[in-house]
Amino acid sequence: MRVISGRAKSLRLKTIEGNDTRPTTDRIKETLFNMIHDDMYGCRFLDLFSGSGAIGIEALSRGAKKAVFVEINPKAVMCIKENLQFTRLQDKAEVMSMKAESAINILGTKNEVFDYIFMDPPYNCAHEKNVLKILSKSSIMDENTVVIAECSKQTDMSYLGDTGFKLIKEKMYKTNKHVFMQKEKM
């Protein structure tokens, strides 16, 4: 796994041993960032369920102003910190070792607003729905914030309207997908 483009291009990132995380492949990561690259420079990026931190690091490498990484697994948190240090991007990063839901609440008290919120939770556990319910009431988003969920191809997102979100687009891959959404305008 490597950084695809930008300041840290081609640097290899560490991942943790075992099946506790499921790193996004370079090919899928490249496709994702090809879709959003025009808005990367100067943006504020939140990476929930960060794993190795590869997605947030890619955002920083491509010019994001700040990235916040949220991960509960202590081994993964250490991996994120090592990857940030290795890529020399730690000065633009904040790492929060806690559940995504708790981090959203804390960031809301700090008046943080993000341009992109990316989440890649464990597949088929309904974490996306729980996080979206909390995000819909959170001040860390505005009407322009784009939320991207990486989930299994089978994940049913038909409940989006019930959580106050609308589907912008969906990109399907072989075994998973990226779902792009925004808050419904009131």
N, C-alpha and C. Protein backbone atom coordinates (compact mmCIF):
# COMPACT_ATOMS: atom_id res chain seq x y z
N MET A 1 0.85 -1.17 0.00
CA MET A 1 0.00 0.00 0.00
C MET A 1 0.89 1.24 0.00
N ARG A 2 0.53 2.20 -0.86
CA ARG A 2 1.37 3.37 -1.00
C ARG A 2 0.52 4.63 -1.13
N VAL A 3 1.17 5.78 -1.02
CA VAL A 3 0.51 7.06 -1.29
C VAL A 3 0.52 7.22 -2.81
N ILE A 4 -0.62 7.52 -3.39
CA ILE A 4 -0.78 7.54 -4.85
C ILE A 4 -0.23 8.83 -5.47
N SER A 5 -0.51 9.97 -4.85
CA SER A 5 -0.17 11.24 -5.49
C SER A 5 0.14 12.31 -4.47
N GLY A 6 0.76 13.39 -4.92
CA GLY A 6 0.99 14.55 -4.08
C GLY A 6 2.34 14.55 -3.39
N ARG A 7 2.39 15.29 -2.30
CA ARG A 7 3.63 15.53 -1.55
C ARG A 7 4.34 14.24 -1.11
N ALA A 8 3.59 13.23 -0.73
CA ALA A 8 4.18 11.97 -0.24
C ALA A 8 4.07 10.85 -1.27
N LYS A 9 3.93 11.20 -2.54
CA LYS A 9 3.73 10.23 -3.62
C LYS A 9 4.75 9.09 -3.56
N SER A 10 4.24 7.88 -3.74
CA SER A 10 5.01 6.64 -3.84
C SER A 10 5.56 6.11 -2.52
N LEU A 11 5.37 6.83 -1.43
CA LEU A 11 5.85 6.31 -0.15
C LEU A 11 4.97 5.14 0.29
N ARG A 12 5.60 4.08 0.75
CA ARG A 12 4.89 2.88 1.20
C ARG A 12 4.42 3.06 2.64
N LEU A 13 3.17 2.71 2.89
CA LEU A 13 2.58 2.83 4.22
C LEU A 13 2.53 1.47 4.89
N LYS A 14 2.63 1.50 6.22
CA LYS A 14 2.51 0.28 7.01
C LYS A 14 1.04 -0.03 7.24
N THR A 15 0.75 -1.30 7.45
CA THR A 15 -0.57 -1.73 7.91
C THR A 15 -0.35 -2.64 9.09
N ILE A 16 -1.38 -2.85 9.89
CA ILE A 16 -1.21 -3.73 11.04
C ILE A 16 -1.42 -5.19 10.61
N GLU A 17 -0.76 -6.06 11.33
CA GLU A 17 -0.87 -7.51 11.06
C GLU A 17 -2.28 -7.99 11.37
N GLY A 18 -2.70 -9.02 10.68
CA GLY A 18 -3.98 -9.66 10.99
C GLY A 18 -5.14 -9.08 10.23
N ASN A 19 -6.35 -9.46 10.68
CA ASN A 19 -7.58 -9.07 10.00
C ASN A 19 -8.36 -7.98 10.72
N ASP A 20 -7.70 -7.26 11.64
CA ASP A 20 -8.41 -6.22 12.39
C ASP A 20 -8.76 -5.03 11.51
N THR A 21 -8.00 -4.81 10.46
CA THR A 21 -8.33 -3.74 9.51
C THR A 21 -8.35 -4.33 8.10
N ARG A 22 -8.98 -3.61 7.21
CA ARG A 22 -9.12 -4.04 5.83
C ARG A 22 -8.71 -2.85 4.96
N PRO A 23 -7.42 -2.73 4.65
CA PRO A 23 -6.96 -1.55 3.91
C PRO A 23 -7.61 -1.43 2.53
N THR A 24 -7.95 -0.20 2.17
CA THR A 24 -8.47 0.08 0.84
C THR A 24 -7.34 -0.14 -0.16
N THR A 25 -7.61 -0.89 -1.20
CA THR A 25 -6.56 -1.16 -2.19
C THR A 25 -6.14 0.13 -2.89
N ASP A 26 -4.92 0.14 -3.40
CA ASP A 26 -4.42 1.32 -4.11
C ASP A 26 -5.32 1.69 -5.28
N ARG A 27 -5.80 0.69 -5.98
CA ARG A 27 -6.63 0.96 -7.16
C ARG A 27 -7.94 1.65 -6.78
N ILE A 28 -8.59 1.17 -5.72
CA ILE A 28 -9.85 1.77 -5.27
C ILE A 28 -9.58 3.16 -4.69
N LYS A 29 -8.49 3.30 -3.96
CA LYS A 29 -8.12 4.61 -3.39
C LYS A 29 -7.87 5.61 -4.51
N GLU A 30 -7.18 5.18 -5.57
CA GLU A 30 -6.92 6.07 -6.70
C GLU A 30 -8.21 6.49 -7.37
N THR A 31 -9.14 5.57 -7.56
CA THR A 31 -10.43 5.88 -8.16
C THR A 31 -11.19 6.89 -7.30
N LEU A 32 -11.20 6.66 -6.00
CA LEU A 32 -11.87 7.59 -5.07
C LEU A 32 -11.31 9.00 -5.21
N PHE A 33 -9.99 9.12 -5.13
CA PHE A 33 -9.39 10.45 -5.17
C PHE A 33 -9.45 11.09 -6.56
N ASN A 34 -9.57 10.30 -7.60
CA ASN A 34 -9.80 10.87 -8.93
C ASN A 34 -11.18 11.55 -8.98
N MET A 35 -12.13 11.03 -8.21
CA MET A 35 -13.48 11.61 -8.19
C MET A 35 -13.55 12.89 -7.36
N ILE A 36 -12.68 13.05 -6.37
CA ILE A 36 -12.79 14.21 -5.47
C ILE A 36 -11.57 15.13 -5.51
N HIS A 37 -10.60 14.86 -6.36
CA HIS A 37 -9.32 15.59 -6.32
C HIS A 37 -9.46 17.09 -6.53
N ASP A 38 -10.44 17.54 -7.26
CA ASP A 38 -10.59 18.98 -7.52
C ASP A 38 -10.83 19.78 -6.24
N ASP A 39 -11.40 19.14 -5.23
CA ASP A 39 -11.74 19.83 -3.99
C ASP A 39 -10.79 19.53 -2.83
N MET A 40 -9.71 18.82 -3.09
CA MET A 40 -8.80 18.40 -2.01
C MET A 40 -7.98 19.55 -1.44
N TYR A 41 -7.47 20.42 -2.31
CA TYR A 41 -6.54 21.45 -1.83
C TYR A 41 -7.24 22.38 -0.83
N GLY A 42 -6.66 22.46 0.35
CA GLY A 42 -7.16 23.34 1.40
C GLY A 42 -8.38 22.83 2.15
N CYS A 43 -8.81 21.61 1.89
CA CYS A 43 -10.00 21.10 2.57
C CYS A 43 -9.67 20.56 3.96
N ARG A 44 -10.71 20.35 4.72
CA ARG A 44 -10.61 19.72 6.04
C ARG A 44 -11.24 18.34 5.90
N PHE A 45 -10.48 17.30 6.30
CA PHE A 45 -10.84 15.90 5.99
C PHE A 45 -10.93 15.11 7.29
N LEU A 46 -12.03 14.42 7.49
CA LEU A 46 -12.22 13.56 8.66
C LEU A 46 -12.23 12.12 8.18
N ASP A 47 -11.34 11.30 8.74
CA ASP A 47 -11.19 9.89 8.37
C ASP A 47 -11.64 9.04 9.56
N LEU A 48 -12.88 8.54 9.51
CA LEU A 48 -13.43 7.71 10.58
C LEU A 48 -13.13 6.24 10.29
N PHE A 49 -12.88 5.46 11.35
CA PHE A 49 -12.49 4.06 11.21
C PHE A 49 -11.24 4.02 10.33
N SER A 50 -10.20 4.74 10.73
CA SER A 50 -9.04 5.05 9.90
C SER A 50 -8.15 3.88 9.53
N GLY A 51 -8.11 2.84 10.34
CA GLY A 51 -7.22 1.71 10.04
C GLY A 51 -5.77 2.16 10.05
N SER A 52 -5.10 2.09 8.91
CA SER A 52 -3.69 2.50 8.81
C SER A 52 -3.55 4.00 8.55
N GLY A 53 -4.66 4.66 8.26
CA GLY A 53 -4.64 6.10 7.97
C GLY A 53 -4.41 6.42 6.50
N ALA A 54 -4.42 5.42 5.64
CA ALA A 54 -4.07 5.63 4.23
C ALA A 54 -4.95 6.63 3.52
N ILE A 55 -6.24 6.66 3.82
CA ILE A 55 -7.15 7.58 3.12
C ILE A 55 -6.88 9.02 3.55
N GLY A 56 -6.80 9.26 4.84
CA GLY A 56 -6.51 10.61 5.33
C GLY A 56 -5.13 11.09 4.91
N ILE A 57 -4.17 10.19 4.89
CA ILE A 57 -2.81 10.54 4.45
C ILE A 57 -2.82 10.91 2.98
N GLU A 58 -3.57 10.18 2.17
CA GLU A 58 -3.71 10.53 0.76
C GLU A 58 -4.30 11.94 0.61
N ALA A 59 -5.30 12.25 1.42
CA ALA A 59 -5.91 13.59 1.38
C ALA A 59 -4.88 14.66 1.73
N LEU A 60 -4.09 14.43 2.77
CA LEU A 60 -3.05 15.39 3.16
C LEU A 60 -1.99 15.52 2.07
N SER A 61 -1.58 14.41 1.51
CA SER A 61 -0.57 14.43 0.46
C SER A 61 -1.04 15.24 -0.74
N ARG A 62 -2.34 15.22 -0.99
CA ARG A 62 -2.92 15.93 -2.14
C ARG A 62 -3.32 17.37 -1.80
N GLY A 63 -2.96 17.84 -0.61
CA GLY A 63 -3.16 19.26 -0.30
C GLY A 63 -4.22 19.60 0.72
N ALA A 64 -4.82 18.61 1.38
CA ALA A 64 -5.78 18.94 2.44
C ALA A 64 -5.09 19.79 3.51
N LYS A 65 -5.82 20.73 4.03
CA LYS A 65 -5.30 21.64 5.06
C LYS A 65 -5.10 20.90 6.38
N LYS A 66 -6.05 20.00 6.70
CA LYS A 66 -6.01 19.25 7.95
C LYS A 66 -6.76 17.94 7.76
N ALA A 67 -6.28 16.90 8.45
CA ALA A 67 -7.00 15.63 8.50
C ALA A 67 -7.05 15.15 9.94
N VAL A 68 -8.21 14.70 10.34
CA VAL A 68 -8.39 14.10 11.65
C VAL A 68 -8.65 12.62 11.43
N PHE A 69 -7.89 11.81 12.14
CA PHE A 69 -7.97 10.35 12.04
C PHE A 69 -8.62 9.82 13.30
N VAL A 70 -9.65 9.00 13.16
CA VAL A 70 -10.36 8.42 14.30
C VAL A 70 -10.30 6.91 14.19
N GLU A 71 -9.73 6.28 15.21
CA GLU A 71 -9.55 4.83 15.22
C GLU A 71 -9.53 4.36 16.66
N ILE A 72 -10.22 3.26 16.94
CA ILE A 72 -10.29 2.74 18.31
C ILE A 72 -9.23 1.68 18.60
N ASN A 73 -8.76 0.98 17.58
CA ASN A 73 -7.78 -0.09 17.76
C ASN A 73 -6.41 0.52 18.08
N PRO A 74 -5.84 0.23 19.27
CA PRO A 74 -4.55 0.83 19.66
C PRO A 74 -3.41 0.51 18.69
N LYS A 75 -3.39 -0.70 18.14
CA LYS A 75 -2.33 -1.04 17.17
C LYS A 75 -2.47 -0.20 15.90
N ALA A 76 -3.69 0.01 15.46
CA ALA A 76 -3.93 0.82 14.27
C ALA A 76 -3.58 2.29 14.54
N VAL A 77 -3.89 2.78 15.74
CA VAL A 77 -3.55 4.16 16.10
C VAL A 77 -2.03 4.35 16.02
N MET A 78 -1.30 3.39 16.53
CA MET A 78 0.17 3.46 16.46
C MET A 78 0.64 3.44 15.01
N CYS A 79 0.01 2.63 14.19
CA CYS A 79 0.34 2.54 12.77
C CYS A 79 0.07 3.88 12.07
N ILE A 80 -1.05 4.51 12.37
CA ILE A 80 -1.38 5.82 11.79
C ILE A 80 -0.29 6.83 12.14
N LYS A 81 0.08 6.87 13.41
CA LYS A 81 1.10 7.83 13.87
C LYS A 81 2.44 7.57 13.18
N GLU A 82 2.81 6.31 13.02
CA GLU A 82 4.06 5.97 12.33
C GLU A 82 4.00 6.38 10.84
N ASN A 83 2.86 6.13 10.21
CA ASN A 83 2.70 6.50 8.80
C ASN A 83 2.72 8.03 8.63
N LEU A 84 2.12 8.75 9.54
CA LEU A 84 2.15 10.21 9.47
C LEU A 84 3.57 10.74 9.64
N GLN A 85 4.30 10.15 10.57
CA GLN A 85 5.68 10.58 10.78
C GLN A 85 6.54 10.24 9.55
N PHE A 86 6.37 9.04 9.02
CA PHE A 86 7.14 8.60 7.86
C PHE A 86 6.89 9.50 6.64
N THR A 87 5.63 9.92 6.45
CA THR A 87 5.27 10.76 5.30
C THR A 87 5.51 12.25 5.59
N ARG A 88 5.89 12.55 6.81
CA ARG A 88 6.12 13.94 7.26
C ARG A 88 4.88 14.81 7.11
N LEU A 89 3.73 14.23 7.43
CA LEU A 89 2.46 14.94 7.34
C LEU A 89 1.81 15.15 8.71
N GLN A 90 2.52 14.78 9.78
CA GLN A 90 1.94 14.83 11.11
C GLN A 90 1.58 16.24 11.57
N ASP A 91 2.21 17.27 11.00
CA ASP A 91 1.92 18.65 11.42
C ASP A 91 0.52 19.11 11.00
N LYS A 92 -0.09 18.40 10.04
CA LYS A 92 -1.43 18.76 9.58
C LYS A 92 -2.48 17.74 10.05
N ALA A 93 -2.08 16.88 10.99
CA ALA A 93 -2.95 15.78 11.38
C ALA A 93 -3.26 15.79 12.87
N GLU A 94 -4.41 15.23 13.19
CA GLU A 94 -4.79 14.97 14.57
C GLU A 94 -5.29 13.53 14.61
N VAL A 95 -4.82 12.76 15.59
CA VAL A 95 -5.23 11.37 15.72
C VAL A 95 -6.02 11.23 17.03
N MET A 96 -7.22 10.69 16.90
CA MET A 96 -8.10 10.49 18.06
C MET A 96 -8.31 8.99 18.25
N SER A 97 -7.91 8.49 19.40
CA SER A 97 -8.04 7.07 19.70
C SER A 97 -9.34 6.84 20.48
N MET A 98 -10.42 6.63 19.74
CA MET A 98 -11.74 6.45 20.35
C MET A 98 -12.74 6.00 19.30
N LYS A 99 -13.96 5.73 19.75
CA LYS A 99 -15.04 5.38 18.83
C LYS A 99 -15.40 6.58 17.96
N ALA A 100 -15.85 6.30 16.76
CA ALA A 100 -16.22 7.36 15.82
C ALA A 100 -17.30 8.26 16.41
N GLU A 101 -18.29 7.67 17.05
CA GLU A 101 -19.41 8.44 17.60
C GLU A 101 -18.92 9.43 18.66
N SER A 102 -18.00 9.00 19.52
CA SER A 102 -17.45 9.89 20.55
C SER A 102 -16.64 11.01 19.92
N ALA A 103 -15.85 10.69 18.91
CA ALA A 103 -15.02 11.69 18.24
C ALA A 103 -15.89 12.76 17.59
N ILE A 104 -16.98 12.36 16.96
CA ILE A 104 -17.88 13.33 16.33
C ILE A 104 -18.40 14.31 17.37
N ASN A 105 -18.80 13.80 18.52
CA ASN A 105 -19.31 14.67 19.59
C ASN A 105 -18.23 15.62 20.10
N ILE A 106 -17.01 15.13 20.29
CA ILE A 106 -15.91 15.98 20.76
C ILE A 106 -15.56 17.04 19.72
N LEU A 107 -15.46 16.64 18.47
CA LEU A 107 -15.14 17.60 17.41
C LEU A 107 -16.21 18.68 17.30
N GLY A 108 -17.45 18.31 17.57
CA GLY A 108 -18.54 19.29 17.55
C GLY A 108 -18.38 20.36 18.62
N THR A 109 -17.81 20.00 19.76
CA THR A 109 -17.59 20.99 20.82
C THR A 109 -16.43 21.92 20.49
N LYS A 110 -15.59 21.52 19.53
CA LYS A 110 -14.44 22.34 19.13
C LYS A 110 -14.76 23.22 17.91
N ASN A 111 -16.01 23.23 17.50
CA ASN A 111 -16.44 23.99 16.32
C ASN A 111 -15.69 23.60 15.05
N GLU A 112 -15.33 22.33 14.93
CA GLU A 112 -14.69 21.81 13.72
C GLU A 112 -15.77 21.58 12.66
N VAL A 113 -15.51 22.01 11.43
CA VAL A 113 -16.40 21.72 10.30
C VAL A 113 -15.53 21.12 9.20
N PHE A 114 -15.98 20.01 8.65
CA PHE A 114 -15.20 19.29 7.65
C PHE A 114 -15.83 19.40 6.27
N ASP A 115 -14.97 19.41 5.26
CA ASP A 115 -15.43 19.41 3.87
C ASP A 115 -15.75 17.99 3.42
N TYR A 116 -14.94 17.04 3.88
CA TYR A 116 -15.14 15.62 3.57
C TYR A 116 -15.10 14.81 4.85
N ILE A 117 -16.03 13.87 4.96
CA ILE A 117 -16.03 12.90 6.05
C ILE A 117 -16.04 11.53 5.39
N PHE A 118 -14.97 10.79 5.60
CA PHE A 118 -14.84 9.45 5.02
C PHE A 118 -14.98 8.43 6.13
N MET A 119 -15.74 7.38 5.89
CA MET A 119 -15.82 6.29 6.87
C MET A 119 -15.71 4.95 6.18
N ASP A 120 -14.92 4.09 6.80
CA ASP A 120 -14.71 2.74 6.29
C ASP A 120 -14.83 1.76 7.46
N PRO A 121 -16.06 1.63 8.00
CA PRO A 121 -16.23 0.76 9.18
C PRO A 121 -16.20 -0.72 8.80
N PRO A 122 -16.12 -1.59 9.81
CA PRO A 122 -16.23 -3.03 9.52
C PRO A 122 -17.50 -3.28 8.71
N TYR A 123 -17.39 -4.13 7.70
CA TYR A 123 -18.51 -4.38 6.80
C TYR A 123 -19.65 -5.12 7.49
N ASN A 124 -20.86 -4.79 7.05
CA ASN A 124 -22.10 -5.48 7.43
C ASN A 124 -22.36 -5.48 8.94
N CYS A 125 -22.03 -4.38 9.60
CA CYS A 125 -22.29 -4.24 11.04
C CYS A 125 -23.20 -3.06 11.35
N ALA A 126 -23.70 -2.37 10.35
CA ALA A 126 -24.61 -1.23 10.48
C ALA A 126 -23.98 0.00 11.13
N HIS A 127 -22.65 0.07 11.18
CA HIS A 127 -22.00 1.26 11.74
C HIS A 127 -22.32 2.50 10.93
N GLU A 128 -22.45 2.36 9.61
CA GLU A 128 -22.73 3.52 8.76
C GLU A 128 -24.00 4.24 9.23
N LYS A 129 -25.04 3.48 9.47
CA LYS A 129 -26.32 4.06 9.87
C LYS A 129 -26.19 4.79 11.21
N ASN A 130 -25.50 4.17 12.17
CA ASN A 130 -25.32 4.81 13.48
C ASN A 130 -24.54 6.11 13.37
N VAL A 131 -23.48 6.09 12.57
CA VAL A 131 -22.66 7.29 12.40
C VAL A 131 -23.47 8.38 11.69
N LEU A 132 -24.23 8.02 10.67
CA LEU A 132 -25.03 9.02 9.94
C LEU A 132 -26.08 9.66 10.84
N LYS A 133 -26.68 8.89 11.74
CA LYS A 133 -27.65 9.46 12.68
C LYS A 133 -26.99 10.53 13.55
N ILE A 134 -25.78 10.25 14.02
CA ILE A 134 -25.06 11.22 14.86
C ILE A 134 -24.61 12.42 14.02
N LEU A 135 -24.10 12.16 12.83
CA LEU A 135 -23.67 13.25 11.95
C LEU A 135 -24.82 14.18 11.59
N SER A 136 -26.02 13.64 11.42
CA SER A 136 -27.15 14.47 11.00
C SER A 136 -27.48 15.53 12.04
N LYS A 137 -27.11 15.31 13.28
CA LYS A 137 -27.38 16.26 14.36
C LYS A 137 -26.13 17.04 14.76
N SER A 138 -25.02 16.76 14.10
CA SER A 138 -23.74 17.33 14.50
C SER A 138 -23.45 18.65 13.79
N SER A 139 -22.66 19.48 14.46
CA SER A 139 -22.25 20.76 13.88
C SER A 139 -20.95 20.64 13.08
N ILE A 140 -20.41 19.43 12.92
CA ILE A 140 -19.15 19.28 12.18
C ILE A 140 -19.37 19.24 10.67
N MET A 141 -20.64 19.35 10.27
CA MET A 141 -21.00 19.36 8.86
C MET A 141 -21.73 20.64 8.52
N ASP A 142 -21.60 21.06 7.26
CA ASP A 142 -22.49 22.10 6.77
C ASP A 142 -23.15 21.56 5.50
N GLU A 143 -23.88 22.41 4.77
CA GLU A 143 -24.63 21.93 3.60
C GLU A 143 -23.75 21.47 2.46
N ASN A 144 -22.45 21.83 2.50
CA ASN A 144 -21.54 21.43 1.43
C ASN A 144 -20.69 20.20 1.76
N THR A 145 -20.71 19.76 3.01
CA THR A 145 -19.91 18.61 3.43
C THR A 145 -20.35 17.36 2.68
N VAL A 146 -19.37 16.63 2.18
CA VAL A 146 -19.65 15.36 1.50
C VAL A 146 -19.20 14.23 2.42
N VAL A 147 -20.11 13.30 2.65
CA VAL A 147 -19.81 12.10 3.44
C VAL A 147 -19.64 10.96 2.46
N ILE A 148 -18.56 10.20 2.64
CA ILE A 148 -18.30 9.05 1.77
C ILE A 148 -18.18 7.82 2.66
N ALA A 149 -18.99 6.82 2.37
CA ALA A 149 -18.91 5.56 3.10
C ALA A 149 -18.38 4.49 2.18
N GLU A 150 -17.34 3.79 2.64
CA GLU A 150 -16.87 2.61 1.94
C GLU A 150 -17.51 1.42 2.63
N CYS A 151 -18.25 0.64 1.89
CA CYS A 151 -18.97 -0.47 2.50
C CYS A 151 -19.07 -1.64 1.51
N SER A 152 -19.55 -2.77 2.02
CA SER A 152 -19.67 -3.93 1.14
C SER A 152 -20.70 -3.64 0.06
N LYS A 153 -20.60 -4.33 -1.03
CA LYS A 153 -21.50 -4.14 -2.16
C LYS A 153 -22.95 -4.41 -1.76
N GLN A 154 -23.14 -5.28 -0.77
CA GLN A 154 -24.48 -5.67 -0.34
C GLN A 154 -25.11 -4.71 0.67
N THR A 155 -24.35 -3.75 1.17
CA THR A 155 -24.87 -2.85 2.19
C THR A 155 -26.05 -2.05 1.64
N ASP A 156 -27.17 -2.14 2.33
CA ASP A 156 -28.39 -1.44 1.94
C ASP A 156 -28.35 -0.04 2.54
N MET A 157 -28.40 0.97 1.69
CA MET A 157 -28.38 2.37 2.14
C MET A 157 -29.73 3.03 1.87
N SER A 158 -30.78 2.25 1.72
CA SER A 158 -32.10 2.81 1.40
C SER A 158 -32.67 3.66 2.53
N TYR A 159 -32.08 3.61 3.70
CA TYR A 159 -32.54 4.37 4.87
C TYR A 159 -32.02 5.81 4.89
N LEU A 160 -31.20 6.21 3.92
CA LEU A 160 -30.55 7.52 3.94
C LEU A 160 -31.50 8.66 4.26
N GLY A 161 -32.64 8.72 3.61
CA GLY A 161 -33.61 9.78 3.86
C GLY A 161 -34.05 9.84 5.31
N ASP A 162 -34.15 8.69 5.96
CA ASP A 162 -34.56 8.63 7.37
C ASP A 162 -33.51 9.24 8.30
N THR A 163 -32.25 9.29 7.85
CA THR A 163 -31.19 9.86 8.68
C THR A 163 -30.89 11.31 8.30
N GLY A 164 -31.64 11.86 7.33
CA GLY A 164 -31.44 13.26 6.94
C GLY A 164 -30.40 13.45 5.85
N PHE A 165 -30.05 12.38 5.13
CA PHE A 165 -29.06 12.46 4.07
C PHE A 165 -29.67 12.11 2.72
N LYS A 166 -29.03 12.60 1.67
CA LYS A 166 -29.44 12.24 0.31
C LYS A 166 -28.24 11.64 -0.41
N LEU A 167 -28.51 10.71 -1.29
CA LEU A 167 -27.48 10.06 -2.09
C LEU A 167 -27.06 11.00 -3.21
N ILE A 168 -25.74 11.21 -3.35
CA ILE A 168 -25.21 12.00 -4.46
C ILE A 168 -24.80 11.07 -5.59
N LYS A 169 -24.02 10.06 -5.24
CA LYS A 169 -23.62 9.06 -6.23
C LYS A 169 -23.09 7.83 -5.52
N GLU A 170 -22.98 6.77 -6.28
CA GLU A 170 -22.49 5.49 -5.77
C GLU A 170 -21.53 4.93 -6.80
N LYS A 171 -20.38 4.50 -6.34
CA LYS A 171 -19.39 3.89 -7.24
C LYS A 171 -19.20 2.45 -6.81
N MET A 172 -19.54 1.53 -7.69
CA MET A 172 -19.45 0.10 -7.39
C MET A 172 -18.12 -0.47 -7.86
N TYR A 173 -17.58 -1.36 -7.04
CA TYR A 173 -16.36 -2.09 -7.37
C TYR A 173 -16.72 -3.58 -7.34
N LYS A 174 -15.72 -4.42 -7.42
CA LYS A 174 -15.96 -5.87 -7.46
C LYS A 174 -16.69 -6.37 -6.20
N THR A 175 -16.18 -6.00 -5.01
CA THR A 175 -16.76 -6.52 -3.76
C THR A 175 -17.28 -5.44 -2.83
N ASN A 176 -17.02 -4.17 -3.15
CA ASN A 176 -17.46 -3.10 -2.26
C ASN A 176 -17.91 -1.89 -3.08
N LYS A 177 -18.21 -0.80 -2.38
CA LYS A 177 -18.69 0.40 -3.05
C LYS A 177 -18.37 1.63 -2.21
N HIS A 178 -18.37 2.79 -2.88
CA HIS A 178 -18.30 4.08 -2.21
C HIS A 178 -19.65 4.74 -2.40
N VAL A 179 -20.22 5.19 -1.29
CA VAL A 179 -21.50 5.88 -1.32
C VAL A 179 -21.24 7.33 -0.91
N PHE A 180 -21.58 8.27 -1.81
CA PHE A 180 -21.38 9.70 -1.57
C PHE A 180 -22.73 10.30 -1.17
N MET A 181 -22.73 11.08 -0.11
CA MET A 181 -23.99 11.66 0.36
C MET A 181 -23.78 13.03 0.99
N GLN A 182 -24.85 13.78 1.10
CA GLN A 182 -24.87 15.07 1.77
C GLN A 182 -26.14 15.18 2.59
N LYS A 183 -26.12 16.12 3.53
CA LYS A 183 -27.32 16.39 4.32
C LYS A 183 -28.41 16.92 3.40
N GLU A 184 -29.63 16.49 3.69
CA GLU A 184 -30.79 17.04 2.98
C GLU A 184 -30.92 18.50 3.36
N LYS A 185 -31.22 19.36 2.41
CA LYS A 185 -31.46 20.76 2.73
C LYS A 185 -32.84 20.87 3.36
N MET A 186 -32.90 21.64 4.42
CA MET A 186 -34.18 21.80 5.14
C MET A 186 -35.06 22.84 4.49
